[in-house]
């Protein structure tokens, strides 16, 4: 099977605040190409996100911005089956609300 898998880290709860992106390409079930890059999200970093991935403003300082990697993304994703994972981060306030309503 041929596919591309993509994973991102975000600076905050906004899915558009990508601060790192990684892509792997598989052909016939074998890894054939991989690419990873830090991205300057041009946005603020939330302490919750930093505690998860360890990326903050200092780490991405001077890194490329998302519009600057669109050609690389297009090369990986054009005519490709793309998979990704999505994990919703549950904030402490959300967790307390869930417990109250249980």
C-alpha atoms as a PDB file:
ATOM      1  CA  UNK A   1       0.000   0.000   0.000  1.00  0.00           C
ATOM      2  CA  UNK A   2       1.157   3.519  -0.806  1.00  0.00           C
ATOM      3  CA  UNK A   3       0.347   6.404   1.526  1.00  0.00           C
ATOM      4  CA  UNK A   4       1.657   9.506   3.248  1.00  0.00           C
ATOM      5  CA  UNK A   5       1.325  10.039   7.006  1.00  0.00           C
ATOM      6  CA  UNK A   6       1.443  13.500   8.480  1.00  0.00           C
ATOM      7  CA  UNK A   7       1.808  14.612  12.096  1.00  0.00           C
ATOM      8  CA  UNK A   8       1.844  18.127  13.510  1.00  0.00           C
ATOM      9  CA  UNK A   9       2.474  19.797  16.831  1.00  0.00           C
ATOM     10  CA  UNK A  10       0.688  23.047  17.618  1.00  0.00           C
ATOM     11  CA  UNK A  11       1.665  26.051  19.695  1.00  0.00           C
ATOM     12  CA  UNK A  12      -1.784  26.346  21.247  1.00  0.00           C
ATOM     13  CA  UNK A  13      -5.313  24.956  20.871  1.00  0.00           C
ATOM     14  CA  UNK A  14      -5.698  26.540  17.420  1.00  0.00           C
ATOM     15  CA  UNK A  15      -5.022  23.824  14.832  1.00  0.00           C
ATOM     16  CA  UNK A  16      -3.546  26.528  12.603  1.00  0.00           C
ATOM     17  CA  UNK A  17      -0.711  27.212  15.067  1.00  0.00           C
ATOM     18  CA  UNK A  18       1.533  24.472  13.676  1.00  0.00           C
ATOM     19  CA  UNK A  19       5.010  24.631  15.212  1.00  0.00           C
ATOM     20  CA  UNK A  20       6.381  21.307  13.913  1.00  0.00           C
ATOM     21  CA  UNK A  21       5.377  19.062  11.059  1.00  0.00           C
ATOM     22  CA  UNK A  22       6.552  15.613  10.073  1.00  0.00           C
ATOM     23  CA  UNK A  23       5.673  13.612   6.973  1.00  0.00           C
ATOM     24  CA  UNK A  24       6.556  10.054   5.999  1.00  0.00           C
ATOM     25  CA  UNK A  25       5.918   8.420   2.639  1.00  0.00           C
ATOM     26  CA  UNK A  26       5.355   4.689   2.259  1.00  0.00           C
ATOM     27  CA  UNK A  27       5.422   2.714  -0.990  1.00  0.00           C
ATOM     28  CA  UNK A  28       4.570  -0.978  -1.063  1.00  0.00           C
ATOM     29  CA  UNK A  29       4.534  -0.936   2.747  1.00  0.00           C
ATOM     30  CA  UNK A  30       8.086   0.424   3.059  1.00  0.00           C
ATOM     31  CA  UNK A  31       9.267   3.798   4.293  1.00  0.00           C
ATOM     32  CA  UNK A  32      10.733   5.582   1.272  1.00  0.00           C
ATOM     33  CA  UNK A  33      10.940   9.220   2.349  1.00  0.00           C
ATOM     34  CA  UNK A  34      10.595  11.341   5.458  1.00  0.00           C
ATOM     35  CA  UNK A  35      10.714  15.042   6.233  1.00  0.00           C
ATOM     36  CA  UNK A  36      10.397  17.032   9.460  1.00  0.00           C
ATOM     37  CA  UNK A  37      10.601  20.747  10.134  1.00  0.00           C
ATOM     38  CA  UNK A  38      10.098  23.244  12.904  1.00  0.00           C
ATOM     39  CA  UNK A  39       7.627  25.956  11.896  1.00  0.00           C
ATOM     40  CA  UNK A  40       7.250  29.462  13.285  1.00  0.00           C
ATOM     41  CA  UNK A  41       3.480  29.601  13.853  1.00  0.00           C
ATOM     42  CA  UNK A  42       3.564  33.389  14.223  1.00  0.00           C
ATOM     43  CA  UNK A  43       1.298  32.842  17.219  1.00  0.00           C
ATOM     44  CA  UNK A  44       1.570  32.478  20.989  1.00  0.00           C
ATOM     45  CA  UNK A  45       2.595  29.253  22.751  1.00  0.00           C
ATOM     46  CA  UNK A  46       0.333  27.823  25.438  1.00  0.00           C
ATOM     47  CA  UNK A  47       2.049  26.237  28.447  1.00  0.00           C
ATOM     48  CA  UNK A  48      -0.062  23.086  28.039  1.00  0.00           C
ATOM     49  CA  UNK A  49       1.224  22.514  24.521  1.00  0.00           C
ATOM     50  CA  UNK A  50       4.802  23.278  25.539  1.00  0.00           C
ATOM     51  CA  UNK A  51       4.528  20.719  28.343  1.00  0.00           C
ATOM     52  CA  UNK A  52       3.499  18.082  25.801  1.00  0.00           C
ATOM     53  CA  UNK A  53       6.078  18.597  23.044  1.00  0.00           C
ATOM     54  CA  UNK A  54       8.715  20.882  24.564  1.00  0.00           C
ATOM     55  CA  UNK A  55       8.610  23.343  21.669  1.00  0.00           C
ATOM     56  CA  UNK A  56       8.405  27.037  22.542  1.00  0.00           C
ATOM     57  CA  UNK A  57       9.107  30.435  20.986  1.00  0.00           C
ATOM     58  CA  UNK A  58      12.869  30.067  21.452  1.00  0.00           C
ATOM     59  CA  UNK A  59      12.945  26.685  19.684  1.00  0.00           C
ATOM     60  CA  UNK A  60      11.170  27.963  16.536  1.00  0.00           C
ATOM     61  CA  UNK A  61      12.877  31.368  16.444  1.00  0.00           C
ATOM     62  CA  UNK A  62      14.159  31.900  12.905  1.00  0.00           C
ATOM     63  CA  UNK A  63      12.333  28.841  11.541  1.00  0.00           C
ATOM     64  CA  UNK A  64      10.344  28.850   8.337  1.00  0.00           C
ATOM     65  CA  UNK A  65       6.666  29.825   8.374  1.00  0.00           C
ATOM     66  CA  UNK A  66       3.846  27.638   7.097  1.00  0.00           C
ATOM     67  CA  UNK A  67       3.349  29.517   3.789  1.00  0.00           C
ATOM     68  CA  UNK A  68       7.023  28.874   3.006  1.00  0.00           C
ATOM     69  CA  UNK A  69       6.593  25.066   3.045  1.00  0.00           C
ATOM     70  CA  UNK A  70       3.544  24.740   0.803  1.00  0.00           C
ATOM     71  CA  UNK A  71       5.584  23.482  -2.170  1.00  0.00           C
ATOM     72  CA  UNK A  72       7.177  20.761  -0.026  1.00  0.00           C
ATOM     73  CA  UNK A  73       3.757  19.742   1.283  1.00  0.00           C
ATOM     74  CA  UNK A  74       2.325  19.677  -2.224  1.00  0.00           C
ATOM     75  CA  UNK A  75       5.136  17.409  -3.400  1.00  0.00           C
ATOM     76  CA  UNK A  76       4.343  14.910  -0.633  1.00  0.00           C
ATOM     77  CA  UNK A  77       0.559  15.146  -0.727  1.00  0.00           C
ATOM     78  CA  UNK A  78      -0.264  15.522  -4.432  1.00  0.00           C
ATOM     79  CA  UNK A  79      -2.237  12.453  -5.576  1.00  0.00           C
ATOM     80  CA  UNK A  80      -1.464  10.661  -2.313  1.00  0.00           C
ATOM     81  CA  UNK A  81      -3.586   8.859   0.223  1.00  0.00           C
ATOM     82  CA  UNK A  82      -2.967  10.827   3.403  1.00  0.00           C
ATOM     83  CA  UNK A  83      -3.441   9.630   6.971  1.00  0.00           C
ATOM     84  CA  UNK A  84      -3.056  11.461  10.240  1.00  0.00           C
ATOM     85  CA  UNK A  85      -3.942  11.107  13.859  1.00  0.00           C
ATOM     86  CA  UNK A  86      -5.964  13.550  15.866  1.00  0.00           C
ATOM     87  CA  UNK A  87      -5.731  13.722  19.607  1.00  0.00           C
ATOM     88  CA  UNK A  88      -7.850  16.245  21.456  1.00  0.00           C
ATOM     89  CA  UNK A  89      -6.069  17.724  24.405  1.00  0.00           C
ATOM     90  CA  UNK A  90      -8.358  17.807  27.412  1.00  0.00           C
ATOM     91  CA  UNK A  91      -7.703  20.910  29.476  1.00  0.00           C
ATOM     92  CA  UNK A  92      -7.969  20.727  33.242  1.00  0.00           C
ATOM     93  CA  UNK A  93     -11.129  22.880  33.175  1.00  0.00           C
ATOM     94  CA  UNK A  94     -12.736  20.481  30.654  1.00  0.00           C
ATOM     95  CA  UNK A  95     -11.774  17.517  32.823  1.00  0.00           C
ATOM     96  CA  UNK A  96     -13.338  19.113  35.927  1.00  0.00           C
ATOM     97  CA  UNK A  97     -16.520  19.784  33.943  1.00  0.00           C
ATOM     98  CA  UNK A  98     -16.632  16.157  32.806  1.00  0.00           C
ATOM     99  CA  UNK A  99     -16.280  14.990  36.413  1.00  0.00           C
ATOM    100  CA  UNK A 100     -19.022  17.333  37.607  1.00  0.00           C
ATOM    101  CA  UNK A 101     -21.421  15.999  34.962  1.00  0.00           C
ATOM    102  CA  UNK A 102     -20.597  12.313  35.573  1.00  0.00           C
END
